[in-house]
Amino acid sequence: MVDLPMTANPITHEHLAKGITYGQYRELIDLLLAENKTTGTDHSEGMVEYTRMNMHRMRRVEKTTVLEDEIVMQMLSLQNKMVWVILTEAWCGDAAQNVSAIVKIADASPLVEVKLLLRDENPEIMDAYLTNGSRSIPKLIVMDAETLNVVGTWGPRPEPAQRLVMDAKDKNTPFKEMAEQLHGWYAKDGCRTLQQEFSQLIPKWGKLNALKEQLVERCS
């Protein structure tokens, strides 16, 4: 799901300084799980168990997601530095299904830096990027690295998955049943829809070389 960028950006250099890498995020979750905890303040057995399940989901996405040539070409052709801030939490199923793939896309360009921030530790940012009035995550905020101007956002899930969730809510589908349908969709889709959406957004977010220039550079 795509939202329009805001004119005022609450993200500061101080926020970026406390942001963590994806690797650090994974290490943090491992450390918390070793203590039967998760991110945030709710360390109930159910939340911890859901976090363990999410770790399996993240590992699967890491291993199975293969970037399509088109999106790799786009990322390699970026001319301007950007910062991608991702609001996330370890217990969030949608974050487990999307954050790994988003980071893999970002890593395809040397000009993109990724910073992960925990949603509940940064309410001032989360409340500036609500989805239909909800603190839905993951939420990606794309910024120009020099000015910190927001050039776009994405989240919390690909459009077909968002429609699935909204339809389930309209029908008062039990959460467990809705979650099974949602994660079944993710497993079948294999991050293809996310890549398609990003392929449409990247040219809007960044400055790209012309296609001919890309091809010449890659063949030289």
C-alpha atoms as a PDB file:
ATOM      1  CA  MET A   1       0.000   0.000   0.000  1.00  0.00           C
ATOM      2  CA  VAL A   2       1.391   3.421  -0.971  1.00  0.00           C
ATOM      3  CA  ASP A   3       0.847   6.754   0.759  1.00  0.00           C
ATOM      4  CA  LEU A   4       1.768  10.225  -0.409  1.00  0.00           C
ATOM      5  CA  PRO A   5       4.847  11.800   1.242  1.00  0.00           C
ATOM      6  CA  MET A   6       4.323  14.371   3.977  1.00  0.00           C
ATOM      7  CA  THR A   7       5.458  17.968   3.685  1.00  0.00           C
ATOM      8  CA  ALA A   8       6.774  18.031   7.281  1.00  0.00           C
ATOM      9  CA  ASN A   9       9.118  15.256   8.346  1.00  0.00           C
ATOM     10  CA  PRO A  10       9.456  14.396  12.057  1.00  0.00           C
ATOM     11  CA  ILE A  11      12.549  12.247  11.454  1.00  0.00           C
ATOM     12  CA  THR A  12      15.731  13.993  12.603  1.00  0.00           C
ATOM     13  CA  HIS A  13      19.432  13.196  12.506  1.00  0.00           C
ATOM     14  CA  GLU A  14      19.057  12.127  16.151  1.00  0.00           C
ATOM     15  CA  HIS A  15      16.521   9.499  15.108  1.00  0.00           C
ATOM     16  CA  LEU A  16      18.842   8.248  12.382  1.00  0.00           C
ATOM     17  CA  ALA A  17      21.732   8.037  14.835  1.00  0.00           C
ATOM     18  CA  LYS A  18      19.805   5.563  16.984  1.00  0.00           C
ATOM     19  CA  GLY A  19      18.530   3.598  13.990  1.00  0.00           C
ATOM     20  CA  ILE A  20      19.897   0.067  13.594  1.00  0.00           C
ATOM     21  CA  THR A  21      20.836  -2.113  10.650  1.00  0.00           C
ATOM     22  CA  TYR A  22      18.885  -5.199   9.658  1.00  0.00           C
ATOM     23  CA  GLY A  23      21.687  -7.359  11.042  1.00  0.00           C
ATOM     24  CA  GLN A  24      21.517  -5.571  14.382  1.00  0.00           C
ATOM     25  CA  TYR A  25      17.734  -5.976  14.357  1.00  0.00           C
ATOM     26  CA  ARG A  26      18.074  -9.728  13.910  1.00  0.00           C
ATOM     27  CA  GLU A  27      20.666  -9.898  16.695  1.00  0.00           C
ATOM     28  CA  LEU A  28      18.397  -7.885  18.999  1.00  0.00           C
ATOM     29  CA  ILE A  29      15.505 -10.280  18.411  1.00  0.00           C
ATOM     30  CA  ASP A  30      17.735 -13.296  19.105  1.00  0.00           C
ATOM     31  CA  LEU A  31      18.915 -11.764  22.383  1.00  0.00           C
ATOM     32  CA  LEU A  32      15.376 -10.938  23.471  1.00  0.00           C
ATOM     33  CA  LEU A  33      14.046 -14.379  22.577  1.00  0.00           C
ATOM     34  CA  ALA A  34      16.825 -15.956  24.647  1.00  0.00           C
ATOM     35  CA  GLU A  35      15.225 -14.151  27.595  1.00  0.00           C
ATOM     36  CA  ASN A  36      11.695 -15.064  26.476  1.00  0.00           C
ATOM     37  CA  LYS A  37      11.052 -11.473  25.462  1.00  0.00           C
ATOM     38  CA  THR A  38      10.242  -9.579  22.306  1.00  0.00           C
ATOM     39  CA  THR A  39      10.450  -5.943  21.262  1.00  0.00           C
ATOM     40  CA  GLY A  40       8.025  -3.525  22.890  1.00  0.00           C
ATOM     41  CA  THR A  41       6.519  -3.909  26.332  1.00  0.00           C
ATOM     42  CA  ASP A  42       4.251  -6.949  25.897  1.00  0.00           C
ATOM     43  CA  HIS A  43       6.356 -10.009  26.705  1.00  0.00           C
ATOM     44  CA  SER A  44       3.440 -12.405  27.060  1.00  0.00           C
ATOM     45  CA  GLU A  45       3.871 -16.024  26.029  1.00  0.00           C
ATOM     46  CA  GLY A  46       1.730 -15.476  22.956  1.00  0.00           C
ATOM     47  CA  MET A  47       3.737 -12.472  21.737  1.00  0.00           C
ATOM     48  CA  VAL A  48       7.042 -14.251  22.316  1.00  0.00           C
ATOM     49  CA  GLU A  49       5.849 -17.345  20.456  1.00  0.00           C
ATOM     50  CA  TYR A  50       4.630 -15.212  17.565  1.00  0.00           C
ATOM     51  CA  THR A  51       8.055 -13.569  17.464  1.00  0.00           C
ATOM     52  CA  ARG A  52       9.725 -16.988  17.220  1.00  0.00           C
ATOM     53  CA  MET A  53       7.431 -17.789  14.303  1.00  0.00           C
ATOM     54  CA  ASN A  54       8.387 -14.494  12.689  1.00  0.00           C
ATOM     55  CA  MET A  55      12.062 -15.372  12.906  1.00  0.00           C
ATOM     56  CA  HIS A  56      11.339 -18.454  10.783  1.00  0.00           C
ATOM     57  CA  ARG A  57       9.449 -16.256   8.324  1.00  0.00           C
ATOM     58  CA  MET A  58      12.343 -13.808   8.077  1.00  0.00           C
ATOM     59  CA  ARG A  59      14.841 -16.590   7.451  1.00  0.00           C
ATOM     60  CA  ARG A  60      12.616 -18.001   4.719  1.00  0.00           C
ATOM     61  CA  VAL A  61      12.265 -14.612   3.014  1.00  0.00           C
ATOM     62  CA  GLU A  62      16.015 -14.040   3.261  1.00  0.00           C
ATOM     63  CA  LYS A  63      16.748 -17.378   1.583  1.00  0.00           C
ATOM     64  CA  THR A  64      14.028 -17.431  -1.070  1.00  0.00           C
ATOM     65  CA  THR A  65      13.738 -13.829  -2.266  1.00  0.00           C
ATOM     66  CA  VAL A  66      15.493 -13.351  -5.597  1.00  0.00           C
ATOM     67  CA  LEU A  67      15.475  -9.802  -6.950  1.00  0.00           C
ATOM     68  CA  GLU A  68      14.181  -9.365 -10.481  1.00  0.00           C
ATOM     69  CA  ASP A  69      16.546  -7.906 -13.081  1.00  0.00           C
ATOM     70  CA  GLU A  70      14.421  -4.791 -13.558  1.00  0.00           C
ATOM     71  CA  ILE A  71      14.540  -3.714  -9.952  1.00  0.00           C
ATOM     72  CA  VAL A  72      18.271  -4.459  -9.672  1.00  0.00           C
ATOM     73  CA  MET A  73      18.823  -2.286 -12.755  1.00  0.00           C
ATOM     74  CA  GLN A  74      16.808   0.520 -11.224  1.00  0.00           C
ATOM     75  CA  MET A  75      18.688   0.421  -7.947  1.00  0.00           C
ATOM     76  CA  LEU A  76      22.063   0.331  -9.683  1.00  0.00           C
ATOM     77  CA  SER A  77      21.055   3.342 -11.771  1.00  0.00           C
ATOM     78  CA  LEU A  78      20.217   5.565  -8.789  1.00  0.00           C
ATOM     79  CA  GLN A  79      22.169   8.820  -8.831  1.00  0.00           C
ATOM     80  CA  ASN A  80      21.213  10.338  -5.479  1.00  0.00           C
ATOM     81  CA  LYS A  81      21.793   9.132  -1.923  1.00  0.00           C
ATOM     82  CA  MET A  82      18.736   8.132   0.037  1.00  0.00           C
ATOM     83  CA  VAL A  83      17.900   6.929   3.529  1.00  0.00           C
ATOM     84  CA  TRP A  84      15.186   4.307   3.908  1.00  0.00           C
ATOM     85  CA  VAL A  85      13.740   4.330   7.430  1.00  0.00           C
ATOM     86  CA  ILE A  86      11.650   1.295   8.342  1.00  0.00           C
ATOM     87  CA  LEU A  87       9.357   1.301  11.362  1.00  0.00           C
ATOM     88  CA  THR A  88       9.021  -2.269  12.597  1.00  0.00           C
ATOM     89  CA  GLU A  89       8.587  -4.614  15.575  1.00  0.00           C
ATOM     90  CA  ALA A  90       9.683  -8.218  16.038  1.00  0.00           C
ATOM     91  CA  TRP A  91       6.163  -9.439  16.865  1.00  0.00           C
ATOM     92  CA  CYS A  92       4.630  -8.047  13.657  1.00  0.00           C
ATOM     93  CA  GLY A  93       3.841 -10.726  11.064  1.00  0.00           C
ATOM     94  CA  ASP A  94       3.726  -8.264   8.161  1.00  0.00           C
ATOM     95  CA  ALA A  95       7.136  -6.911   9.158  1.00  0.00           C
ATOM     96  CA  ALA A  96       8.539 -10.437   9.133  1.00  0.00           C
ATOM     97  CA  GLN A  97       7.205 -10.966   5.615  1.00  0.00           C
ATOM     98  CA  ASN A  98       8.372  -7.652   4.114  1.00  0.00           C
ATOM     99  CA  VAL A  99      11.318  -6.059   5.930  1.00  0.00           C
ATOM    100  CA  SER A 100      13.894  -8.626   4.757  1.00  0.00           C
ATOM    101  CA  ALA A 101      12.890  -8.143   1.119  1.00  0.00           C
ATOM    102  CA  ILE A 102      12.863  -4.351   1.422  1.00  0.00           C
ATOM    103  CA  VAL A 103      16.384  -4.433   2.847  1.00  0.00           C
ATOM    104  CA  LYS A 104      17.507  -6.730   0.032  1.00  0.00           C
ATOM    105  CA  ILE A 105      16.192  -4.232  -2.516  1.00  0.00           C
ATOM    106  CA  ALA A 106      17.926  -1.342  -0.752  1.00  0.00           C
ATOM    107  CA  ASP A 107      21.198  -3.274  -0.590  1.00  0.00           C
ATOM    108  CA  ALA A 108      21.201  -3.481  -4.387  1.00  0.00           C
ATOM    109  CA  SER A 109      22.283   0.172  -4.430  1.00  0.00           C
ATOM    110  CA  PRO A 110      25.412   1.570  -2.739  1.00  0.00           C
ATOM    111  CA  LEU A 111      23.588   4.899  -2.435  1.00  0.00           C
ATOM    112  CA  VAL A 112      20.795   3.686  -0.159  1.00  0.00           C
ATOM    113  CA  GLU A 113      21.225   3.438   3.608  1.00  0.00           C
ATOM    114  CA  VAL A 114      18.667   1.549   5.690  1.00  0.00           C
ATOM    115  CA  LYS A 115      17.786   2.478   9.265  1.00  0.00           C
ATOM    116  CA  LEU A 116      15.362   0.398  11.318  1.00  0.00           C
ATOM    117  CA  LEU A 117      13.444   2.020  14.167  1.00  0.00           C
ATOM    118  CA  LEU A 118      11.111   0.280  16.595  1.00  0.00           C
ATOM    119  CA  ARG A 119       7.577   1.592  16.272  1.00  0.00           C
ATOM    120  CA  ASP A 120       6.717   1.787  19.953  1.00  0.00           C
ATOM    121  CA  GLU A 121       9.924   3.634  20.813  1.00  0.00           C
ATOM    122  CA  ASN A 122       9.190   6.299  18.204  1.00  0.00           C
ATOM    123  CA  PRO A 123       5.499   7.244  18.479  1.00  0.00           C
ATOM    124  CA  GLU A 124       6.133  10.753  17.146  1.00  0.00           C
ATOM    125  CA  ILE A 125       7.247   9.232  13.844  1.00  0.00           C
ATOM    126  CA  MET A 126       4.635   6.497  13.719  1.00  0.00           C
ATOM    127  CA  ASP A 127       1.780   8.918  14.329  1.00  0.00           C
ATOM    128  CA  ALA A 128       2.930  10.999  11.382  1.00  0.00           C
ATOM    129  CA  TYR A 129       2.640   8.008   9.040  1.00  0.00           C
ATOM    130  CA  LEU A 130      -0.606   6.298  10.008  1.00  0.00           C
ATOM    131  CA  THR A 131      -2.506   4.043   7.625  1.00  0.00           C
ATOM    132  CA  ASN A 132      -6.243   4.692   7.783  1.00  0.00           C
ATOM    133  CA  GLY A 133      -5.696   6.066  11.276  1.00  0.00           C
ATOM    134  CA  SER A 134      -3.839   2.940  12.419  1.00  0.00           C
ATOM    135  CA  ARG A 135      -0.236   2.454  13.570  1.00  0.00           C
ATOM    136  CA  SER A 136       0.274  -0.245  10.956  1.00  0.00           C
ATOM    137  CA  ILE A 137       3.766  -1.578  10.296  1.00  0.00           C
ATOM    138  CA  PRO A 138       6.095  -2.088   8.603  1.00  0.00           C
ATOM    139  CA  LYS A 139       6.192   1.494   7.366  1.00  0.00           C
ATOM    140  CA  LEU A 140       8.937   2.644   5.004  1.00  0.00           C
ATOM    141  CA  ILE A 141       9.787   6.339   4.850  1.00  0.00           C
ATOM    142  CA  VAL A 142      12.109   7.247   1.971  1.00  0.00           C
ATOM    143  CA  MET A 143      14.187  10.397   2.389  1.00  0.00           C
ATOM    144  CA  ASP A 144      16.799  12.367   0.506  1.00  0.00           C
ATOM    145  CA  ALA A 145      20.036  11.748   2.423  1.00  0.00           C
ATOM    146  CA  GLU A 146      21.205  15.364   2.340  1.00  0.00           C
ATOM    147  CA  THR A 147      18.002  17.275   3.092  1.00  0.00           C
ATOM    148  CA  LEU A 148      16.016  14.553   4.902  1.00  0.00           C
ATOM    149  CA  ASN A 149      13.061  15.591   2.774  1.00  0.00           C
ATOM    150  CA  VAL A 150      10.554  12.767   2.419  1.00  0.00           C
ATOM    151  CA  VAL A 151      10.193  11.654  -1.189  1.00  0.00           C
ATOM    152  CA  GLY A 152       7.806   8.755  -0.592  1.00  0.00           C
ATOM    153  CA  THR A 153       6.454   6.067   1.704  1.00  0.00           C
ATOM    154  CA  TRP A 154       5.324   2.458   1.479  1.00  0.00           C
ATOM    155  CA  GLY A 155       3.477   0.170   3.832  1.00  0.00           C
ATOM    156  CA  PRO A 156       2.305  -1.712   5.684  1.00  0.00           C
ATOM    157  CA  ARG A 157       1.848  -4.459   3.083  1.00  0.00           C
ATOM    158  CA  PRO A 158       1.479  -4.978  -0.695  1.00  0.00           C
ATOM    159  CA  GLU A 159      -1.854  -3.800  -2.090  1.00  0.00           C
ATOM    160  CA  PRO A 160      -3.409  -7.272  -2.611  1.00  0.00           C
ATOM    161  CA  ALA A 161      -2.516  -8.211   0.967  1.00  0.00           C
ATOM    162  CA  GLN A 162      -3.957  -4.921   2.217  1.00  0.00           C
ATOM    163  CA  ARG A 163      -7.218  -5.619   0.391  1.00  0.00           C
ATOM    164  CA  LEU A 164      -7.304  -9.105   1.934  1.00  0.00           C
ATOM    165  CA  VAL A 165      -6.971  -7.630   5.424  1.00  0.00           C
ATOM    166  CA  MET A 166      -9.533  -4.894   4.845  1.00  0.00           C
ATOM    167  CA  ASP A 167     -12.039  -7.371   3.395  1.00  0.00           C
ATOM    168  CA  ALA A 168     -11.513  -9.684   6.375  1.00  0.00           C
ATOM    169  CA  LYS A 169     -12.190  -6.814   8.774  1.00  0.00           C
ATOM    170  CA  ASP A 170     -15.331  -5.832   6.877  1.00  0.00           C
ATOM    171  CA  LYS A 171     -16.568  -9.427   7.192  1.00  0.00           C
ATOM    172  CA  ASN A 172     -15.541  -9.643  10.867  1.00  0.00           C
ATOM    173  CA  THR A 173     -13.333 -12.619  10.050  1.00  0.00           C
ATOM    174  CA  PRO A 174     -11.680 -14.026  13.215  1.00  0.00           C
ATOM    175  CA  PHE A 175      -8.076 -12.840  13.547  1.00  0.00           C
ATOM    176  CA  LYS A 176      -6.596 -16.348  13.426  1.00  0.00           C
ATOM    177  CA  GLU A 177      -8.427 -17.132  10.191  1.00  0.00           C
ATOM    178  CA  MET A 178      -7.453 -13.788   8.673  1.00  0.00           C
ATOM    179  CA  ALA A 179      -3.805 -14.305   9.664  1.00  0.00           C
ATOM    180  CA  GLU A 180      -3.767 -17.747   8.040  1.00  0.00           C
ATOM    181  CA  GLN A 181      -5.161 -16.300   4.815  1.00  0.00           C
ATOM    182  CA  LEU A 182      -2.687 -13.423   4.890  1.00  0.00           C
ATOM    183  CA  HIS A 183       0.416 -15.527   5.473  1.00  0.00           C
ATOM    184  CA  GLY A 184      -0.827 -18.026   2.909  1.00  0.00           C
ATOM    185  CA  TRP A 185      -0.912 -15.173   0.404  1.00  0.00           C
ATOM    186  CA  TYR A 186       2.628 -14.133   1.343  1.00  0.00           C
ATOM    187  CA  ALA A 187       3.920 -17.691   0.927  1.00  0.00           C
ATOM    188  CA  LYS A 188       2.336 -18.017  -2.498  1.00  0.00           C
ATOM    189  CA  ASP A 189       3.413 -14.564  -3.694  1.00  0.00           C
ATOM    190  CA  GLY A 190       7.080 -14.913  -2.741  1.00  0.00           C
ATOM    191  CA  CYS A 191       7.691 -11.129  -2.571  1.00  0.00           C
ATOM    192  CA  ARG A 192       6.926 -10.712  -6.276  1.00  0.00           C
ATOM    193  CA  THR A 193       4.173  -8.150  -5.732  1.00  0.00           C
ATOM    194  CA  LEU A 194       6.351  -6.118  -3.386  1.00  0.00           C
ATOM    195  CA  GLN A 195       9.035  -5.948  -6.063  1.00  0.00           C
ATOM    196  CA  GLN A 196       6.488  -4.907  -8.677  1.00  0.00           C
ATOM    197  CA  GLU A 197       5.248  -2.094  -6.459  1.00  0.00           C
ATOM    198  CA  PHE A 198       8.768  -0.908  -5.690  1.00  0.00           C
ATOM    199  CA  SER A 199       9.664  -1.030  -9.376  1.00  0.00           C
ATOM    200  CA  GLN A 200       6.941   1.546  -9.971  1.00  0.00           C
ATOM    201  CA  LEU A 201       7.952   3.688  -6.996  1.00  0.00           C
ATOM    202  CA  ILE A 202      11.743   3.802  -7.281  1.00  0.00           C
ATOM    203  CA  PRO A 203      11.733   6.078 -10.362  1.00  0.00           C
ATOM    204  CA  LYS A 204       9.501   8.477  -8.391  1.00  0.00           C
ATOM    205  CA  TRP A 205      11.737   8.384  -5.327  1.00  0.00           C
ATOM    206  CA  GLY A 206      15.160   8.770  -6.949  1.00  0.00           C
ATOM    207  CA  LYS A 207      17.016  10.102  -9.933  1.00  0.00           C
ATOM    208  CA  LEU A 208      17.842   7.352 -12.417  1.00  0.00           C
ATOM    209  CA  ASN A 209      20.245   7.166 -15.337  1.00  0.00           C
ATOM    210  CA  ALA A 210      18.630   6.710 -18.731  1.00  0.00           C
ATOM    211  CA  LEU A 211      18.102   3.043 -19.674  1.00  0.00           C
ATOM    212  CA  LYS A 212      20.625   3.289 -22.516  1.00  0.00           C
ATOM    213  CA  GLU A 213      23.255   4.664 -20.131  1.00  0.00           C
ATOM    214  CA  GLN A 214      22.568   1.817 -17.714  1.00  0.00           C
ATOM    215  CA  LEU A 215      23.098  -0.789 -20.402  1.00  0.00           C
ATOM    216  CA  VAL A 216      26.317   0.837 -21.613  1.00  0.00           C
ATOM    217  CA  GLU A 217      27.716   1.011 -18.089  1.00  0.00           C
ATOM    218  CA  ARG A 218      26.857  -2.631 -17.334  1.00  0.00           C
ATOM    219  CA  CYS A 219      28.387  -3.859 -20.599  1.00  0.00           C
ATOM    220  CA  SER A 220      31.576  -1.769 -20.412  1.00  0.00           C
END
